[in-house]
């Protein structure tokens, strides 16, 4: 089984108090329950607004610069995500479709790279 990131994208000015209602919260909760019942959900998390982001960048001398805001300047950001374990990309896309409907937002589905422990 492969692990997949299912990321929800929001515009930078996304305001959950204005854009989310009880129906949407119920739809997302129902999707979470369905994922749990299917045994594919490994982790889920919502993220604070992009204004709360800090970016870190290593310099050539080993110093690390910390700046306010996201690393990439964009009009959209990841607002939340699931980590799923699915049989294949088609199954992950099926869950991504459900996420796009429940969250009423664009969704990105991307497989994780397999980590291979270095041989000793």
PDB file of N, CA and C in Angstrom:
ATOM      1  N   UNK A   1       0.857  -1.182   0.000  1.00  0.00           N
ATOM      2  CA  UNK A   1       0.000   0.000   0.000  1.00  0.00           C
ATOM      3  C   UNK A   1       0.897   1.238   0.000  1.00  0.00           C
ATOM      4  N   UNK A   2       0.475   2.230  -0.728  1.00  0.00           N
ATOM      5  CA  UNK A   2       1.214   3.483  -0.837  1.00  0.00           C
ATOM      6  C   UNK A   2       0.515   4.551  -0.014  1.00  0.00           C
ATOM      7  N   UNK A   3       1.298   5.451   0.543  1.00  0.00           N
ATOM      8  CA  UNK A   3       0.745   6.589   1.274  1.00  0.00           C
ATOM      9  C   UNK A   3       0.585   7.769   0.325  1.00  0.00           C
ATOM     10  N   UNK A   4      -0.529   8.489   0.513  1.00  0.00           N
ATOM     11  CA  UNK A   4      -0.847   9.626  -0.343  1.00  0.00           C
ATOM     12  C   UNK A   4      -1.189  10.835   0.510  1.00  0.00           C
ATOM     13  N   UNK A   5      -0.773  11.990   0.039  1.00  0.00           N
ATOM     14  CA  UNK A   5      -1.193  13.268   0.612  1.00  0.00           C
ATOM     15  C   UNK A   5      -2.414  13.728  -0.171  1.00  0.00           C
ATOM     16  N   UNK A   6      -3.472  14.057   0.536  1.00  0.00           N
ATOM     17  CA  UNK A   6      -4.663  14.652  -0.063  1.00  0.00           C
ATOM     18  C   UNK A   6      -4.762  16.047   0.553  1.00  0.00           C
ATOM     19  N   UNK A   7      -4.353  17.067  -0.206  1.00  0.00           N
ATOM     20  CA  UNK A   7      -4.242  18.432   0.311  1.00  0.00           C
ATOM     21  C   UNK A   7      -5.380  19.300  -0.204  1.00  0.00           C
ATOM     22  N   UNK A   8      -5.961  20.068   0.705  1.00  0.00           N
ATOM     23  CA  UNK A   8      -7.038  21.001   0.381  1.00  0.00           C
ATOM     24  C   UNK A   8      -6.423  22.382   0.182  1.00  0.00           C
ATOM     25  N   UNK A   9      -6.765  23.049  -0.916  1.00  0.00           N
ATOM     26  CA  UNK A   9      -6.206  24.377  -1.211  1.00  0.00           C
ATOM     27  C   UNK A   9      -7.253  25.464  -0.981  1.00  0.00           C
ATOM     28  N   UNK A  10      -6.823  26.527  -0.315  1.00  0.00           N
ATOM     29  CA  UNK A  10      -7.681  27.679  -0.040  1.00  0.00           C
ATOM     30  C   UNK A  10      -7.026  28.946  -0.570  1.00  0.00           C
ATOM     31  N   UNK A  11      -7.822  29.941  -0.945  1.00  0.00           N
ATOM     32  CA  UNK A  11      -7.230  31.237  -1.291  1.00  0.00           C
ATOM     33  C   UNK A  11      -6.643  31.873  -0.021  1.00  0.00           C
ATOM     34  N   UNK A  12      -5.680  32.755  -0.193  1.00  0.00           N
ATOM     35  CA  UNK A  12      -5.020  33.370   0.966  1.00  0.00           C
ATOM     36  C   UNK A  12      -5.991  34.106   1.879  1.00  0.00           C
ATOM     37  N   UNK A  13      -7.065  34.636   1.326  1.00  0.00           N
ATOM     38  CA  UNK A  13      -8.029  35.377   2.152  1.00  0.00           C
ATOM     39  C   UNK A  13      -9.166  34.496   2.673  1.00  0.00           C
ATOM     40  N   UNK A  14      -8.953  33.182   2.699  1.00  0.00           N
ATOM     41  CA  UNK A  14      -9.989  32.242   3.141  1.00  0.00           C
ATOM     42  C   UNK A  14     -10.371  32.527   4.591  1.00  0.00           C
ATOM     43  N   UNK A  15     -11.651  32.699   4.820  1.00  0.00           N
ATOM     44  CA  UNK A  15     -12.167  32.969   6.168  1.00  0.00           C
ATOM     45  C   UNK A  15     -13.190  31.891   6.508  1.00  0.00           C
ATOM     46  N   UNK A  16     -12.795  30.908   7.336  1.00  0.00           N
ATOM     47  CA  UNK A  16     -13.736  29.830   7.647  1.00  0.00           C
ATOM     48  C   UNK A  16     -15.019  30.315   8.296  1.00  0.00           C
ATOM     49  N   UNK A  17     -14.963  31.403   9.040  1.00  0.00           N
ATOM     50  CA  UNK A  17     -16.169  31.922   9.689  1.00  0.00           C
ATOM     51  C   UNK A  17     -17.213  32.359   8.663  1.00  0.00           C
ATOM     52  N   UNK A  18     -16.758  32.759   7.497  1.00  0.00           N
ATOM     53  CA  UNK A  18     -17.671  33.220   6.443  1.00  0.00           C
ATOM     54  C   UNK A  18     -17.999  32.090   5.463  1.00  0.00           C
ATOM     55  N   UNK A  19     -17.010  31.272   5.129  1.00  0.00           N
ATOM     56  CA  UNK A  19     -17.161  30.311   4.039  1.00  0.00           C
ATOM     57  C   UNK A  19     -17.578  28.909   4.469  1.00  0.00           C
ATOM     58  N   UNK A  20     -17.469  28.589   5.749  1.00  0.00           N
ATOM     59  CA  UNK A  20     -17.833  27.254   6.207  1.00  0.00           C
ATOM     60  C   UNK A  20     -19.133  27.327   7.008  1.00  0.00           C
ATOM     61  N   UNK A  21     -19.997  26.350   6.764  1.00  0.00           N
ATOM     62  CA  UNK A  21     -21.248  26.289   7.505  1.00  0.00           C
ATOM     63  C   UNK A  21     -21.389  24.906   8.138  1.00  0.00           C
ATOM     64  N   UNK A  22     -22.464  24.708   8.867  1.00  0.00           N
ATOM     65  CA  UNK A  22     -22.681  23.446   9.572  1.00  0.00           C
ATOM     66  C   UNK A  22     -22.778  22.265   8.606  1.00  0.00           C
ATOM     67  N   UNK A  23     -23.369  22.478   7.441  1.00  0.00           N
ATOM     68  CA  UNK A  23     -23.486  21.410   6.451  1.00  0.00           C
ATOM     69  C   UNK A  23     -22.107  20.956   5.980  1.00  0.00           C
ATOM     70  N   UNK A  24     -21.229  21.910   5.719  1.00  0.00           N
ATOM     71  CA  UNK A  24     -19.875  21.570   5.295  1.00  0.00           C
ATOM     72  C   UNK A  24     -19.145  20.818   6.397  1.00  0.00           C
ATOM     73  N   UNK A  25     -19.279  21.244   7.636  1.00  0.00           N
ATOM     74  CA  UNK A  25     -18.629  20.554   8.757  1.00  0.00           C
ATOM     75  C   UNK A  25     -19.146  19.116   8.881  1.00  0.00           C
ATOM     76  N   UNK A  26     -20.450  18.934   8.691  1.00  0.00           N
ATOM     77  CA  UNK A  26     -21.012  17.575   8.730  1.00  0.00           C
ATOM     78  C   UNK A  26     -20.467  16.719   7.598  1.00  0.00           C
ATOM     79  N   UNK A  27     -20.351  17.309   6.399  1.00  0.00           N
ATOM     80  CA  UNK A  27     -19.832  16.563   5.246  1.00  0.00           C
ATOM     81  C   UNK A  27     -18.382  16.131   5.485  1.00  0.00           C
ATOM     82  N   UNK A  28     -17.570  17.010   6.045  1.00  0.00           N
ATOM     83  CA  UNK A  28     -16.168  16.677   6.325  1.00  0.00           C
ATOM     84  C   UNK A  28     -16.091  15.619   7.424  1.00  0.00           C
ATOM     85  N   UNK A  29     -16.909  15.753   8.461  1.00  0.00           N
ATOM     86  CA  UNK A  29     -16.925  14.746   9.530  1.00  0.00           C
ATOM     87  C   UNK A  29     -17.353  13.386   8.988  1.00  0.00           C
ATOM     88  N   UNK A  30     -18.351  13.371   8.122  1.00  0.00           N
ATOM     89  CA  UNK A  30     -18.807  12.116   7.525  1.00  0.00           C
ATOM     90  C   UNK A  30     -17.697  11.490   6.679  1.00  0.00           C
ATOM     91  N   UNK A  31     -16.957  12.312   5.937  1.00  0.00           N
ATOM     92  CA  UNK A  31     -15.849  11.800   5.140  1.00  0.00           C
ATOM     93  C   UNK A  31     -14.766  11.213   6.048  1.00  0.00           C
ATOM     94  N   UNK A  32     -14.451  11.902   7.138  1.00  0.00           N
ATOM     95  CA  UNK A  32     -13.472  11.372   8.085  1.00  0.00           C
ATOM     96  C   UNK A  32     -13.917  10.026   8.648  1.00  0.00           C
ATOM     97  N   UNK A  33     -15.181   9.915   9.011  1.00  0.00           N
ATOM     98  CA  UNK A  33     -15.698   8.648   9.534  1.00  0.00           C
ATOM     99  C   UNK A  33     -15.624   7.542   8.485  1.00  0.00           C
ATOM    100  N   UNK A  34     -15.914   7.890   7.229  1.00  0.00           N
ATOM    101  CA  UNK A  34     -15.838   6.908   6.143  1.00  0.00           C
ATOM    102  C   UNK A  34     -14.392   6.442   5.937  1.00  0.00           C
ATOM    103  N   UNK A  35     -13.452   7.370   6.008  1.00  0.00           N
ATOM    104  CA  UNK A  35     -12.036   7.021   5.865  1.00  0.00           C
ATOM    105  C   UNK A  35     -11.573   6.109   7.005  1.00  0.00           C
ATOM    106  N   UNK A  36     -11.999   6.427   8.216  1.00  0.00           N
ATOM    107  CA  UNK A  36     -11.637   5.605   9.370  1.00  0.00           C
ATOM    108  C   UNK A  36     -12.209   4.200   9.206  1.00  0.00           C
ATOM    109  N   UNK A  37     -13.488   4.109   8.812  1.00  0.00           N
ATOM    110  CA  UNK A  37     -14.138   2.808   8.631  1.00  0.00           C
ATOM    111  C   UNK A  37     -13.447   1.983   7.547  1.00  0.00           C
ATOM    112  N   UNK A  38     -12.935   2.655   6.524  1.00  0.00           N
ATOM    113  CA  UNK A  38     -12.247   1.961   5.435  1.00  0.00           C
ATOM    114  C   UNK A  38     -10.811   1.588   5.819  1.00  0.00           C
ATOM    115  N   UNK A  39     -10.331   2.129   6.926  1.00  0.00           N
ATOM    116  CA  UNK A  39      -8.986   1.809   7.401  1.00  0.00           C
ATOM    117  C   UNK A  39      -7.874   2.456   6.599  1.00  0.00           C
ATOM    118  N   UNK A  40      -8.163   3.555   5.905  1.00  0.00           N
ATOM    119  CA  UNK A  40      -7.138   4.171   5.050  1.00  0.00           C
ATOM    120  C   UNK A  40      -6.572   5.467   5.624  1.00  0.00           C
ATOM    121  N   UNK A  41      -7.242   6.070   6.609  1.00  0.00           N
ATOM    122  CA  UNK A  41      -6.795   7.365   7.134  1.00  0.00           C
ATOM    123  C   UNK A  41      -5.688   7.165   8.163  1.00  0.00           C
ATOM    124  N   UNK A  42      -4.519   7.751   7.902  1.00  0.00           N
ATOM    125  CA  UNK A  42      -3.404   7.690   8.834  1.00  0.00           C
ATOM    126  C   UNK A  42      -3.308   8.952   9.675  1.00  0.00           C
ATOM    127  N   UNK A  43      -3.628  10.103   9.067  1.00  0.00           N
ATOM    128  CA  UNK A  43      -3.526  11.383   9.768  1.00  0.00           C
ATOM    129  C   UNK A  43      -4.375  12.408   9.039  1.00  0.00           C
ATOM    130  N   UNK A  44      -4.919  13.351   9.790  1.00  0.00           N
ATOM    131  CA  UNK A  44      -5.654  14.475   9.208  1.00  0.00           C
ATOM    132  C   UNK A  44      -5.311  15.715  10.005  1.00  0.00           C
ATOM    133  N   UNK A  45      -5.219  16.861   9.334  1.00  0.00           N
ATOM    134  CA  UNK A  45      -4.934  18.096  10.052  1.00  0.00           C
ATOM    135  C   UNK A  45      -5.337  19.317   9.252  1.00  0.00           C
ATOM    136  N   UNK A  46      -5.842  20.303   9.967  1.00  0.00           N
ATOM    137  CA  UNK A  46      -6.112  21.607   9.386  1.00  0.00           C
ATOM    138  C   UNK A  46      -4.963  22.526   9.751  1.00  0.00           C
ATOM    139  N   UNK A  47      -4.713  23.516   8.908  1.00  0.00           N
ATOM    140  CA  UNK A  47      -3.606  24.432   9.143  1.00  0.00           C
ATOM    141  C   UNK A  47      -4.122  25.838   9.447  1.00  0.00           C
ATOM    142  N   UNK A  48      -3.364  26.558  10.267  1.00  0.00           N
ATOM    143  CA  UNK A  48      -3.679  27.957  10.568  1.00  0.00           C
ATOM    144  C   UNK A  48      -3.574  28.772   9.283  1.00  0.00           C
ATOM    145  N   UNK A  49      -4.168  29.959   9.266  1.00  0.00           N
ATOM    146  CA  UNK A  49      -4.076  30.804   8.063  1.00  0.00           C
ATOM    147  C   UNK A  49      -2.626  31.058   7.656  1.00  0.00           C
ATOM    148  N   UNK A  50      -2.438  31.295   6.370  1.00  0.00           N
ATOM    149  CA  UNK A  50      -1.098  31.473   5.810  1.00  0.00           C
ATOM    150  C   UNK A  50      -0.366  32.645   6.463  1.00  0.00           C
ATOM    151  N   UNK A  51      -1.073  33.605   7.008  1.00  0.00           N
ATOM    152  CA  UNK A  51      -0.434  34.738   7.679  1.00  0.00           C
ATOM    153  C   UNK A  51       0.358  34.293   8.905  1.00  0.00           C
ATOM    154  N   UNK A  52       0.049  33.132   9.445  1.00  0.00           N
ATOM    155  CA  UNK A  52       0.759  32.613  10.622  1.00  0.00           C
ATOM    156  C   UNK A  52       2.034  31.854  10.251  1.00  0.00           C
ATOM    157  N   UNK A  53       2.291  31.686   8.976  1.00  0.00           N
ATOM    158  CA  UNK A  53       3.448  30.899   8.530  1.00  0.00           C
ATOM    159  C   UNK A  53       4.760  31.631   8.776  1.00  0.00           C
ATOM    160  N   UNK A  54       5.798  30.868   9.016  1.00  0.00           N
ATOM    161  CA  UNK A  54       7.183  31.341   9.080  1.00  0.00           C
ATOM    162  C   UNK A  54       7.957  30.489   8.085  1.00  0.00           C
ATOM    163  N   UNK A  55       8.883  31.096   7.388  1.00  0.00           N
ATOM    164  CA  UNK A  55       9.707  30.374   6.419  1.00  0.00           C
ATOM    165  C   UNK A  55      11.157  30.419   6.859  1.00  0.00           C
ATOM    166  N   UNK A  56      11.846  29.311   6.699  1.00  0.00           N
ATOM    167  CA  UNK A  56      13.246  29.202   7.074  1.00  0.00           C
ATOM    168  C   UNK A  56      14.061  28.820   5.851  1.00  0.00           C
ATOM    169  N   UNK A  57      15.211  29.481   5.711  1.00  0.00           N
ATOM    170  CA  UNK A  57      16.069  29.198   4.566  1.00  0.00           C
ATOM    171  C   UNK A  57      17.512  29.178   5.040  1.00  0.00           C
ATOM    172  N   UNK A  58      18.189  28.072   4.738  1.00  0.00           N
ATOM    173  CA  UNK A  58      19.590  27.934   5.124  1.00  0.00           C
ATOM    174  C   UNK A  58      20.476  28.714   4.164  1.00  0.00           C
ATOM    175  N   UNK A  59      21.426  29.458   4.732  1.00  0.00           N
ATOM    176  CA  UNK A  59      22.392  30.205   3.926  1.00  0.00           C
ATOM    177  C   UNK A  59      23.655  29.402   3.714  1.00  0.00           C
ATOM    178  N   UNK A  60      24.576  29.925   2.887  1.00  0.00           N
ATOM    179  CA  UNK A  60      25.794  29.176   2.563  1.00  0.00           C
ATOM    180  C   UNK A  60      26.709  28.951   3.770  1.00  0.00           C
ATOM    181  N   UNK A  61      26.656  29.805   4.772  1.00  0.00           N
ATOM    182  CA  UNK A  61      27.520  29.654   5.942  1.00  0.00           C
ATOM    183  C   UNK A  61      26.892  28.847   7.057  1.00  0.00           C
ATOM    184  N   UNK A  62      25.737  28.251   6.794  1.00  0.00           N
ATOM    185  CA  UNK A  62      25.076  27.449   7.808  1.00  0.00           C
ATOM    186  C   UNK A  62      24.071  28.220   8.646  1.00  0.00           C
ATOM    187  N   UNK A  63      24.008  29.549   8.468  1.00  0.00           N
ATOM    188  CA  UNK A  63      23.002  30.328   9.202  1.00  0.00           C
ATOM    189  C   UNK A  63      21.632  30.089   8.572  1.00  0.00           C
ATOM    190  N   UNK A  64      20.596  30.241   9.384  1.00  0.00           N
ATOM    191  CA  UNK A  64      19.237  30.032   8.909  1.00  0.00           C
ATOM    192  C   UNK A  64      18.457  31.323   9.102  1.00  0.00           C
ATOM    193  N   UNK A  65      17.897  31.815   8.009  1.00  0.00           N
ATOM    194  CA  UNK A  65      17.102  33.040   8.029  1.00  0.00           C
ATOM    195  C   UNK A  65      15.630  32.669   8.220  1.00  0.00           C
ATOM    196  N   UNK A  66      14.966  33.344   9.152  1.00  0.00           N
ATOM    197  CA  UNK A  66      13.538  33.137   9.401  1.00  0.00           C
ATOM    198  C   UNK A  66      12.806  34.389   8.931  1.00  0.00           C
ATOM    199  N   UNK A  67      11.806  34.205   8.078  1.00  0.00           N
ATOM    200  CA  UNK A  67      11.019  35.328   7.587  1.00  0.00           C
ATOM    201  C   UNK A  67       9.536  35.083   7.856  1.00  0.00           C
ATOM    202  N   UNK A  68       8.786  36.165   7.865  1.00  0.00           N
ATOM    203  CA  UNK A  68       7.337  36.091   8.057  1.00  0.00           C
ATOM    204  C   UNK A  68       6.668  35.623   6.777  1.00  0.00           C
ATOM    205  N   UNK A  69       5.652  34.790   6.904  1.00  0.00           N
ATOM    206  CA  UNK A  69       4.846  34.388   5.765  1.00  0.00           C
ATOM    207  C   UNK A  69       5.309  33.111   5.107  1.00  0.00           C
ATOM    208  N   UNK A  70       4.568  32.690   4.094  1.00  0.00           N
ATOM    209  CA  UNK A  70       4.877  31.429   3.414  1.00  0.00           C
ATOM    210  C   UNK A  70       6.142  31.561   2.567  1.00  0.00           C
ATOM    211  N   UNK A  71       6.779  30.438   2.313  1.00  0.00           N
ATOM    212  CA  UNK A  71       7.981  30.427   1.480  1.00  0.00           C
ATOM    213  C   UNK A  71       7.636  30.807   0.048  1.00  0.00           C
ATOM    214  N   UNK A  72       6.579  30.202  -0.492  1.00  0.00           N
ATOM    215  CA  UNK A  72       6.157  30.511  -1.855  1.00  0.00           C
ATOM    216  C   UNK A  72       5.105  31.603  -1.839  1.00  0.00           C
ATOM    217  N   UNK A  73       5.295  32.606  -2.636  1.00  0.00           N
ATOM    218  CA  UNK A  73       4.309  33.682  -2.776  1.00  0.00           C
ATOM    219  C   UNK A  73       3.276  33.218  -3.795  1.00  0.00           C
ATOM    220  N   UNK A  74       2.052  33.038  -3.334  1.00  0.00           N
ATOM    221  CA  UNK A  74       0.999  32.509  -4.179  1.00  0.00           C
ATOM    222  C   UNK A  74      -0.327  33.055  -3.684  1.00  0.00           C
ATOM    223  N   UNK A  75      -1.354  32.937  -4.475  1.00  0.00           N
ATOM    224  CA  UNK A  75      -2.678  33.400  -4.045  1.00  0.00           C
ATOM    225  C   UNK A  75      -3.456  32.287  -3.350  1.00  0.00           C
ATOM    226  N   UNK A  76      -2.894  31.066  -3.315  1.00  0.00           N
ATOM    227  CA  UNK A  76      -3.528  29.936  -2.637  1.00  0.00           C
ATOM    228  C   UNK A  76      -2.505  29.239  -1.749  1.00  0.00           C
ATOM    229  N   UNK A  77      -3.004  28.505  -0.786  1.00  0.00           N
ATOM    230  CA  UNK A  77      -2.142  27.757   0.130  1.00  0.00           C
ATOM    231  C   UNK A  77      -2.851  26.486   0.569  1.00  0.00           C
ATOM    232  N   UNK A  78      -2.096  25.579   1.182  1.00  0.00           N
ATOM    233  CA  UNK A  78      -2.687  24.361   1.729  1.00  0.00           C
ATOM    234  C   UNK A  78      -3.374  24.734   3.032  1.00  0.00           C
ATOM    235  N   UNK A  79      -4.659  24.450   3.108  1.00  0.00           N
ATOM    236  CA  UNK A  79      -5.432  24.783   4.300  1.00  0.00           C
ATOM    237  C   UNK A  79      -5.633  23.595   5.226  1.00  0.00           C
ATOM    238  N   UNK A  80      -5.433  22.406   4.720  1.00  0.00           N
ATOM    239  CA  UNK A  80      -5.574  21.192   5.509  1.00  0.00           C
ATOM    240  C   UNK A  80      -5.229  20.001   4.648  1.00  0.00           C
ATOM    241  N   UNK A  81      -5.105  18.828   5.285  1.00  0.00           N
ATOM    242  CA  UNK A  81      -4.702  17.669   4.516  1.00  0.00           C
ATOM    243  C   UNK A  81      -5.016  16.380   5.255  1.00  0.00           C
ATOM    244  N   UNK A  82      -5.025  15.307   4.485  1.00  0.00           N
ATOM    245  CA  UNK A  82      -5.106  13.939   4.995  1.00  0.00           C
ATOM    246  C   UNK A  82      -3.869  13.202   4.517  1.00  0.00           C
ATOM    247  N   UNK A  83      -3.416  12.249   5.295  1.00  0.00           N
ATOM    248  CA  UNK A  83      -2.441  11.268   4.841  1.00  0.00           C
ATOM    249  C   UNK A  83      -3.179   9.938   4.841  1.00  0.00           C
ATOM    250  N   UNK A  84      -3.284   9.339   3.649  1.00  0.00           N
ATOM    251  CA  UNK A  84      -4.032   8.097   3.471  1.00  0.00           C
ATOM    252  C   UNK A  84      -3.101   6.988   3.026  1.00  0.00           C
ATOM    253  N   UNK A  85      -3.494   5.766   3.313  1.00  0.00           N
ATOM    254  CA  UNK A  85      -2.787   4.601   2.787  1.00  0.00           C
ATOM    255  C   UNK A  85      -3.769   3.889   1.878  1.00  0.00           C
ATOM    256  N   UNK A  86      -3.495   3.933   0.577  1.00  0.00           N
ATOM    257  CA  UNK A  86      -4.423   3.392  -0.416  1.00  0.00           C
ATOM    258  C   UNK A  86      -3.720   2.338  -1.268  1.00  0.00           C
ATOM    259  N   UNK A  87      -4.520   1.477  -1.869  1.00  0.00           N
ATOM    260  CA  UNK A  87      -3.982   0.398  -2.697  1.00  0.00           C
ATOM    261  C   UNK A  87      -3.260   0.941  -3.921  1.00  0.00           C
ATOM    262  N   UNK A  88      -3.792   2.042  -4.485  1.00  0.00           N
ATOM    263  CA  UNK A  88      -3.189   2.597  -5.698  1.00  0.00           C
ATOM    264  C   UNK A  88      -3.694   4.023  -5.900  1.00  0.00           C
ATOM    265  N   UNK A  89      -3.185   4.667  -6.947  1.00  0.00           N
ATOM    266  CA  UNK A  89      -3.553   6.055  -7.224  1.00  0.00           C
ATOM    267  C   UNK A  89      -5.049   6.203  -7.497  1.00  0.00           C
ATOM    268  N   UNK A  90      -5.646   5.240  -8.186  1.00  0.00           N
ATOM    269  CA  UNK A  90      -7.081   5.333  -8.465  1.00  0.00           C
ATOM    270  C   UNK A  90      -7.901   5.401  -7.183  1.00  0.00           C
ATOM    271  N   UNK A  91      -7.552   4.583  -6.199  1.00  0.00           N
ATOM    272  CA  UNK A  91      -8.267   4.629  -4.921  1.00  0.00           C
ATOM    273  C   UNK A  91      -8.034   5.969  -4.230  1.00  0.00           C
ATOM    274  N   UNK A  92      -6.794   6.456  -4.250  1.00  0.00           N
ATOM    275  CA  UNK A  92      -6.494   7.756  -3.627  1.00  0.00           C
ATOM    276  C   UNK A  92      -7.271   8.875  -4.316  1.00  0.00           C
ATOM    277  N   UNK A  93      -7.388   8.808  -5.641  1.00  0.00           N
ATOM    278  CA  UNK A  93      -8.156   9.820  -6.375  1.00  0.00           C
ATOM    279  C   UNK A  93      -9.642   9.764  -6.023  1.00  0.00           C
ATOM    280  N   UNK A  94     -10.166   8.559  -5.802  1.00  0.00           N
ATOM    281  CA  UNK A  94     -11.562   8.440  -5.374  1.00  0.00           C
ATOM    282  C   UNK A  94     -11.778   9.190  -4.060  1.00  0.00           C
ATOM    283  N   UNK A  95     -10.850   9.030  -3.114  1.00  0.00           N
ATOM    284  CA  UNK A  95     -10.955   9.758  -1.841  1.00  0.00           C
ATOM    285  C   UNK A  95     -10.748  11.248  -2.056  1.00  0.00           C
ATOM    286  N   UNK A  96      -9.865  11.617  -2.968  1.00  0.00           N
ATOM    287  CA  UNK A  96      -9.655  13.029  -3.283  1.00  0.00           C
ATOM    288  C   UNK A  96     -10.913  13.680  -3.844  1.00  0.00           C
ATOM    289  N   UNK A  97     -11.643  12.935  -4.683  1.00  0.00           N
ATOM    290  CA  UNK A  97     -12.905  13.463  -5.218  1.00  0.00           C
ATOM    291  C   UNK A  97     -13.894  13.737  -4.089  1.00  0.00           C
ATOM    292  N   UNK A  98     -13.970  12.804  -3.147  1.00  0.00           N
ATOM    293  CA  UNK A  98     -14.873  12.987  -2.005  1.00  0.00           C
ATOM    294  C   UNK A  98     -14.435  14.183  -1.160  1.00  0.00           C
ATOM    295  N   UNK A  99     -13.135  14.373  -1.019  1.00  0.00           N
ATOM    296  CA  UNK A  99     -12.616  15.507  -0.252  1.00  0.00           C
ATOM    297  C   UNK A  99     -12.951  16.829  -0.937  1.00  0.00           C
ATOM    298  N   UNK A 100     -12.821  16.880  -2.260  1.00  0.00           N
ATOM    299  CA  UNK A 100     -13.142  18.103  -3.001  1.00  0.00           C
ATOM    300  C   UNK A 100     -14.612  18.483  -2.824  1.00  0.00           C
ATOM    301  N   UNK A 101     -15.479  17.477  -2.794  1.00  0.00           N
ATOM    302  CA  UNK A 101     -16.913  17.732  -2.609  1.00  0.00           C
ATOM    303  C   UNK A 101     -17.192  18.173  -1.184  1.00  0.00           C
ATOM    304  N   UNK A 102     -16.653  17.454  -0.201  1.00  0.00           N
ATOM    305  CA  UNK A 102     -16.925  17.780   1.206  1.00  0.00           C
ATOM    306  C   UNK A 102     -16.363  19.137   1.591  1.00  0.00           C
ATOM    307  N   UNK A 103     -15.166  19.457   1.102  1.00  0.00           N
ATOM    308  CA  UNK A 103     -14.495  20.709   1.493  1.00  0.00           C
ATOM    309  C   UNK A 103     -14.838  21.875   0.581  1.00  0.00           C
ATOM    310  N   UNK A 104     -15.489  21.577  -0.548  1.00  0.00           N
ATOM    311  CA  UNK A 104     -15.858  22.629  -1.494  1.00  0.00           C
ATOM    312  C   UNK A 104     -14.633  23.465  -1.896  1.00  0.00           C
ATOM    313  N   UNK A 105     -13.540  22.737  -2.199  1.00  0.00           N
ATOM    314  CA  UNK A 105     -12.276  23.397  -2.528  1.00  0.00           C
ATOM    315  C   UNK A 105     -11.449  22.481  -3.432  1.00  0.00           C
ATOM    316  N   UNK A 106     -10.481  23.060  -4.147  1.00  0.00           N
ATOM    317  CA  UNK A 106      -9.587  22.236  -4.951  1.00  0.00           C
ATOM    318  C   UNK A 106      -8.754  21.314  -4.064  1.00  0.00           C
ATOM    319  N   UNK A 107      -8.441  20.143  -4.595  1.00  0.00           N
ATOM    320  CA  UNK A 107      -7.698  19.126  -3.850  1.00  0.00           C
ATOM    321  C   UNK A 107      -6.537  18.637  -4.714  1.00  0.00           C
ATOM    322  N   UNK A 108      -5.405  18.401  -4.074  1.00  0.00           N
ATOM    323  CA  UNK A 108      -4.248  17.806  -4.732  1.00  0.00           C
ATOM    324  C   UNK A 108      -3.992  16.448  -4.100  1.00  0.00           C
ATOM    325  N   UNK A 109      -3.788  15.427  -4.929  1.00  0.00           N
ATOM    326  CA  UNK A 109      -3.451  14.086  -4.444  1.00  0.00           C
ATOM    327  C   UNK A 109      -2.044  13.778  -4.947  1.00  0.00           C
ATOM    328  N   UNK A 110      -1.171  13.400  -4.007  1.00  0.00           N
ATOM    329  CA  UNK A 110       0.216  13.129  -4.387  1.00  0.00           C
ATOM    330  C   UNK A 110       0.773  11.983  -3.560  1.00  0.00           C
ATOM    331  N   UNK A 111       1.416  11.007  -4.229  1.00  0.00           N
ATOM    332  CA  UNK A 111       1.997   9.900  -3.466  1.00  0.00           C
ATOM    333  C   UNK A 111       3.254  10.344  -2.719  1.00  0.00           C
ATOM    334  N   UNK A 112       3.474   9.728  -1.559  1.00  0.00           N
ATOM    335  CA  UNK A 112       4.725   9.921  -0.840  1.00  0.00           C
ATOM    336  C   UNK A 112       5.783   9.059  -1.503  1.00  0.00           C
ATOM    337  N   UNK A 113       7.022   9.511  -1.463  1.00  0.00           N
ATOM    338  CA  UNK A 113       8.133   8.678  -1.903  1.00  0.00           C
ATOM    339  C   UNK A 113       8.391   7.639  -0.836  1.00  0.00           C
ATOM    340  N   UNK A 114       8.783   6.458  -1.263  1.00  0.00           N
ATOM    341  CA  UNK A 114       9.106   5.408  -0.301  1.00  0.00           C
ATOM    342  C   UNK A 114      10.459   5.696   0.315  1.00  0.00           C
ATOM    343  N   UNK A 115      10.522   5.627   1.626  1.00  0.00           N
ATOM    344  CA  UNK A 115      11.782   5.822   2.328  1.00  0.00           C
ATOM    345  C   UNK A 115      12.490   4.482   2.432  1.00  0.00           C
ATOM    346  N   UNK A 116      13.701   4.466   1.996  1.00  0.00           N
ATOM    347  CA  UNK A 116      14.513   3.260   2.121  1.00  0.00           C
ATOM    348  C   UNK A 116      15.664   3.555   3.055  1.00  0.00           C
ATOM    349  N   UNK A 117      15.751   2.799   4.111  1.00  0.00           N
ATOM    350  CA  UNK A 117      16.816   2.964   5.094  1.00  0.00           C
ATOM    351  C   UNK A 117      18.154   2.621   4.430  1.00  0.00           C
ATOM    352  N   UNK A 118      19.154   3.495   4.608  1.00  0.00           N
ATOM    353  CA  UNK A 118      20.470   3.184   4.017  1.00  0.00           C
ATOM    354  C   UNK A 118      21.027   1.892   4.604  1.00  0.00           C
ATOM    355  N   UNK A 119      21.665   1.115   3.755  1.00  0.00           N
ATOM    356  CA  UNK A 119      22.270  -0.133   4.246  1.00  0.00           C
ATOM    357  C   UNK A 119      23.550   0.202   5.005  1.00  0.00           C
ATOM    358  N   UNK A 120      23.829  -0.595   6.022  1.00  0.00           N
ATOM    359  CA  UNK A 120      25.033  -0.345   6.833  1.00  0.00           C
ATOM    360  C   UNK A 120      26.103  -1.361   6.587  1.00  0.00           C
TER     361      UNK A 120
END
